[in-house]
């Protein structure tokens, strides 16, 4: 059974940092795409960052230069280091894994439970 387990969310002040971790188990496709969608209240779900095995990561323009996504393929783990956080980064962050880096979240069938990131003073 495929499972994604996320950790690392929380409350942080503007300008602070958080690191999200997502561990995938039971997923056998390789190579694969792993990444993070995020959804703020009353907003559309959007990609924050994603990486296809061994390739250049993609970042939403709003996070580029502040977030860094990295992977440990032998551990089926992806990390999202979030620096210089802003209140507009506040959202539920969801880890996904799939055969391709689909642009639409609807194409992903394997999701983590979500981890809340709140940036507030």
C-alpha atoms as a PDB file:
ATOM      1  CA  UNK A   1       0.000   0.000   0.000  1.00  0.00           C
ATOM      2  CA  UNK A   2       1.371   3.365  -1.051  1.00  0.00           C
ATOM      3  CA  UNK A   3       1.644   5.899   1.722  1.00  0.00           C
ATOM      4  CA  UNK A   4       3.019   9.414   2.061  1.00  0.00           C
ATOM      5  CA  UNK A   5       3.847  10.759   5.503  1.00  0.00           C
ATOM      6  CA  UNK A   6       4.601  14.430   5.974  1.00  0.00           C
ATOM      7  CA  UNK A   7       6.112  16.289   8.864  1.00  0.00           C
ATOM      8  CA  UNK A   8       7.603  19.658   9.704  1.00  0.00           C
ATOM      9  CA  UNK A   9       4.781  22.180   9.502  1.00  0.00           C
ATOM     10  CA  UNK A  10       3.990  24.669  12.216  1.00  0.00           C
ATOM     11  CA  UNK A  11       3.740  28.296  13.228  1.00  0.00           C
ATOM     12  CA  UNK A  12       6.605  30.617  12.378  1.00  0.00           C
ATOM     13  CA  UNK A  13       7.141  34.354  12.354  1.00  0.00           C
ATOM     14  CA  UNK A  14       7.625  36.230   9.089  1.00  0.00           C
ATOM     15  CA  UNK A  15      11.197  35.873   7.928  1.00  0.00           C
ATOM     16  CA  UNK A  16      11.581  32.531   9.652  1.00  0.00           C
ATOM     17  CA  UNK A  17      12.242  29.066   8.252  1.00  0.00           C
ATOM     18  CA  UNK A  18      10.647  25.653   8.269  1.00  0.00           C
ATOM     19  CA  UNK A  19      11.606  22.341   6.729  1.00  0.00           C
ATOM     20  CA  UNK A  20       8.980  19.919   5.477  1.00  0.00           C
ATOM     21  CA  UNK A  21       9.724  16.225   5.034  1.00  0.00           C
ATOM     22  CA  UNK A  22       7.757  13.679   3.035  1.00  0.00           C
ATOM     23  CA  UNK A  23       8.512   9.963   3.108  1.00  0.00           C
ATOM     24  CA  UNK A  24       6.917   7.689   0.526  1.00  0.00           C
ATOM     25  CA  UNK A  25       6.484   3.988   1.134  1.00  0.00           C
ATOM     26  CA  UNK A  26       5.107   1.251  -1.049  1.00  0.00           C
ATOM     27  CA  UNK A  27       5.565   3.243  -4.262  1.00  0.00           C
ATOM     28  CA  UNK A  28       7.374   1.248  -6.926  1.00  0.00           C
ATOM     29  CA  UNK A  29       7.456   3.401 -10.062  1.00  0.00           C
ATOM     30  CA  UNK A  30      10.854   4.838 -10.912  1.00  0.00           C
ATOM     31  CA  UNK A  31      11.719   7.448 -11.905  1.00  0.00           C
ATOM     32  CA  UNK A  32       9.001   9.546 -10.333  1.00  0.00           C
ATOM     33  CA  UNK A  33       7.908  13.038  -9.490  1.00  0.00           C
ATOM     34  CA  UNK A  34       7.572  14.216  -5.909  1.00  0.00           C
ATOM     35  CA  UNK A  35       6.635  17.607  -4.671  1.00  0.00           C
ATOM     36  CA  UNK A  36       4.391  19.871  -2.680  1.00  0.00           C
ATOM     37  CA  UNK A  37       1.090  21.435  -3.511  1.00  0.00           C
ATOM     38  CA  UNK A  38      -0.262  24.072  -1.198  1.00  0.00           C
ATOM     39  CA  UNK A  39      -3.725  25.450  -0.622  1.00  0.00           C
ATOM     40  CA  UNK A  40      -4.609  28.556   1.304  1.00  0.00           C
ATOM     41  CA  UNK A  41      -8.156  29.211   2.537  1.00  0.00           C
ATOM     42  CA  UNK A  42     -10.464  30.210  -0.305  1.00  0.00           C
ATOM     43  CA  UNK A  43      -7.690  29.861  -2.872  1.00  0.00           C
ATOM     44  CA  UNK A  44      -6.910  27.368  -5.600  1.00  0.00           C
ATOM     45  CA  UNK A  45      -4.467  24.583  -4.940  1.00  0.00           C
ATOM     46  CA  UNK A  46      -1.098  25.369  -6.518  1.00  0.00           C
ATOM     47  CA  UNK A  47       2.295  23.856  -6.957  1.00  0.00           C
ATOM     48  CA  UNK A  48       4.865  25.167  -4.502  1.00  0.00           C
ATOM     49  CA  UNK A  49       7.745  23.041  -5.757  1.00  0.00           C
ATOM     50  CA  UNK A  50       8.358  19.701  -7.442  1.00  0.00           C
ATOM     51  CA  UNK A  51      11.222  17.573  -8.635  1.00  0.00           C
ATOM     52  CA  UNK A  52      11.426  14.695 -11.106  1.00  0.00           C
ATOM     53  CA  UNK A  53      14.114  12.184 -10.200  1.00  0.00           C
ATOM     54  CA  UNK A  54      17.503  13.674 -10.997  1.00  0.00           C
ATOM     55  CA  UNK A  55      16.114  16.708 -12.818  1.00  0.00           C
ATOM     56  CA  UNK A  56      16.050  20.434 -12.229  1.00  0.00           C
ATOM     57  CA  UNK A  57      13.386  21.371  -9.688  1.00  0.00           C
ATOM     58  CA  UNK A  58      10.418  23.555 -10.495  1.00  0.00           C
ATOM     59  CA  UNK A  59       9.366  26.377  -8.180  1.00  0.00           C
ATOM     60  CA  UNK A  60       6.332  28.587  -8.247  1.00  0.00           C
ATOM     61  CA  UNK A  61       7.567  32.130  -8.963  1.00  0.00           C
ATOM     62  CA  UNK A  62       6.269  33.268  -5.581  1.00  0.00           C
ATOM     63  CA  UNK A  63       8.682  30.939  -3.746  1.00  0.00           C
ATOM     64  CA  UNK A  64      11.652  30.867  -6.085  1.00  0.00           C
ATOM     65  CA  UNK A  65      14.792  31.998  -4.310  1.00  0.00           C
ATOM     66  CA  UNK A  66      13.295  31.276  -0.890  1.00  0.00           C
ATOM     67  CA  UNK A  67      12.323  27.585  -1.022  1.00  0.00           C
ATOM     68  CA  UNK A  68      14.603  24.675  -1.865  1.00  0.00           C
ATOM     69  CA  UNK A  69      13.326  21.203  -2.707  1.00  0.00           C
ATOM     70  CA  UNK A  70      15.666  18.238  -2.463  1.00  0.00           C
ATOM     71  CA  UNK A  71      15.356  14.465  -2.617  1.00  0.00           C
ATOM     72  CA  UNK A  72      16.929  11.306  -1.311  1.00  0.00           C
ATOM     73  CA  UNK A  73      15.852   8.723  -3.863  1.00  0.00           C
ATOM     74  CA  UNK A  74      17.225   5.760  -1.939  1.00  0.00           C
ATOM     75  CA  UNK A  75      14.924   6.758   0.923  1.00  0.00           C
ATOM     76  CA  UNK A  76      11.962   7.857  -1.242  1.00  0.00           C
ATOM     77  CA  UNK A  77      12.089  11.130   0.660  1.00  0.00           C
ATOM     78  CA  UNK A  78      11.676  14.715  -0.415  1.00  0.00           C
ATOM     79  CA  UNK A  79      12.370  17.833   1.615  1.00  0.00           C
ATOM     80  CA  UNK A  80      11.159  21.395   1.263  1.00  0.00           C
ATOM     81  CA  UNK A  81      13.346  23.950   2.976  1.00  0.00           C
ATOM     82  CA  UNK A  82      11.326  27.140   3.290  1.00  0.00           C
ATOM     83  CA  UNK A  83      13.256  30.313   4.103  1.00  0.00           C
ATOM     84  CA  UNK A  84      12.275  33.960   4.487  1.00  0.00           C
ATOM     85  CA  UNK A  85       8.692  32.894   4.986  1.00  0.00           C
ATOM     86  CA  UNK A  86       5.916  35.386   4.354  1.00  0.00           C
ATOM     87  CA  UNK A  87       2.330  35.513   5.645  1.00  0.00           C
ATOM     88  CA  UNK A  88       1.159  34.674   2.124  1.00  0.00           C
ATOM     89  CA  UNK A  89       2.948  31.319   2.394  1.00  0.00           C
ATOM     90  CA  UNK A  90       0.355  30.315   4.978  1.00  0.00           C
ATOM     91  CA  UNK A  91      -1.390  27.230   3.627  1.00  0.00           C
ATOM     92  CA  UNK A  92      -1.894  23.514   3.986  1.00  0.00           C
ATOM     93  CA  UNK A  93       1.010  21.820   2.239  1.00  0.00           C
ATOM     94  CA  UNK A  94       0.417  18.438   0.618  1.00  0.00           C
ATOM     95  CA  UNK A  95       3.059  16.030  -0.584  1.00  0.00           C
ATOM     96  CA  UNK A  96       2.376  14.109  -3.783  1.00  0.00           C
ATOM     97  CA  UNK A  97       4.127  11.414  -5.759  1.00  0.00           C
ATOM     98  CA  UNK A  98       3.429  10.294  -9.308  1.00  0.00           C
ATOM     99  CA  UNK A  99       4.854   8.899 -12.497  1.00  0.00           C
ATOM    100  CA  UNK A 100       5.045  12.350 -14.071  1.00  0.00           C
ATOM    101  CA  UNK A 101       5.089  15.959 -12.906  1.00  0.00           C
ATOM    102  CA  UNK A 102       1.520  16.711 -13.942  1.00  0.00           C
ATOM    103  CA  UNK A 103       0.568  20.361 -13.879  1.00  0.00           C
ATOM    104  CA  UNK A 104      -2.848  19.567 -12.466  1.00  0.00           C
ATOM    105  CA  UNK A 105      -3.283  18.252  -8.947  1.00  0.00           C
ATOM    106  CA  UNK A 106      -6.217  16.180 -10.205  1.00  0.00           C
ATOM    107  CA  UNK A 107      -3.793  13.825 -11.956  1.00  0.00           C
ATOM    108  CA  UNK A 108      -2.145  12.719  -8.710  1.00  0.00           C
ATOM    109  CA  UNK A 109      -3.635   9.769  -6.884  1.00  0.00           C
ATOM    110  CA  UNK A 110      -1.113   9.528  -4.042  1.00  0.00           C
ATOM    111  CA  UNK A 111      -1.310  12.278  -1.438  1.00  0.00           C
ATOM    112  CA  UNK A 112      -0.044  12.901   2.035  1.00  0.00           C
ATOM    113  CA  UNK A 113      -2.378  13.959   4.809  1.00  0.00           C
ATOM    114  CA  UNK A 114      -1.193  17.563   4.638  1.00  0.00           C
ATOM    115  CA  UNK A 115       0.766  19.682   7.058  1.00  0.00           C
ATOM    116  CA  UNK A 116      -0.229  23.190   8.082  1.00  0.00           C
ATOM    117  CA  UNK A 117       2.211  26.049   7.681  1.00  0.00           C
ATOM    118  CA  UNK A 118       1.224  29.308   9.352  1.00  0.00           C
ATOM    119  CA  UNK A 119       3.343  32.427   9.028  1.00  0.00           C
ATOM    120  CA  UNK A 120       2.241  35.063  11.476  1.00  0.00           C
ATOM    121  CA  UNK A 121       3.606  37.457  14.052  1.00  0.00           C
END
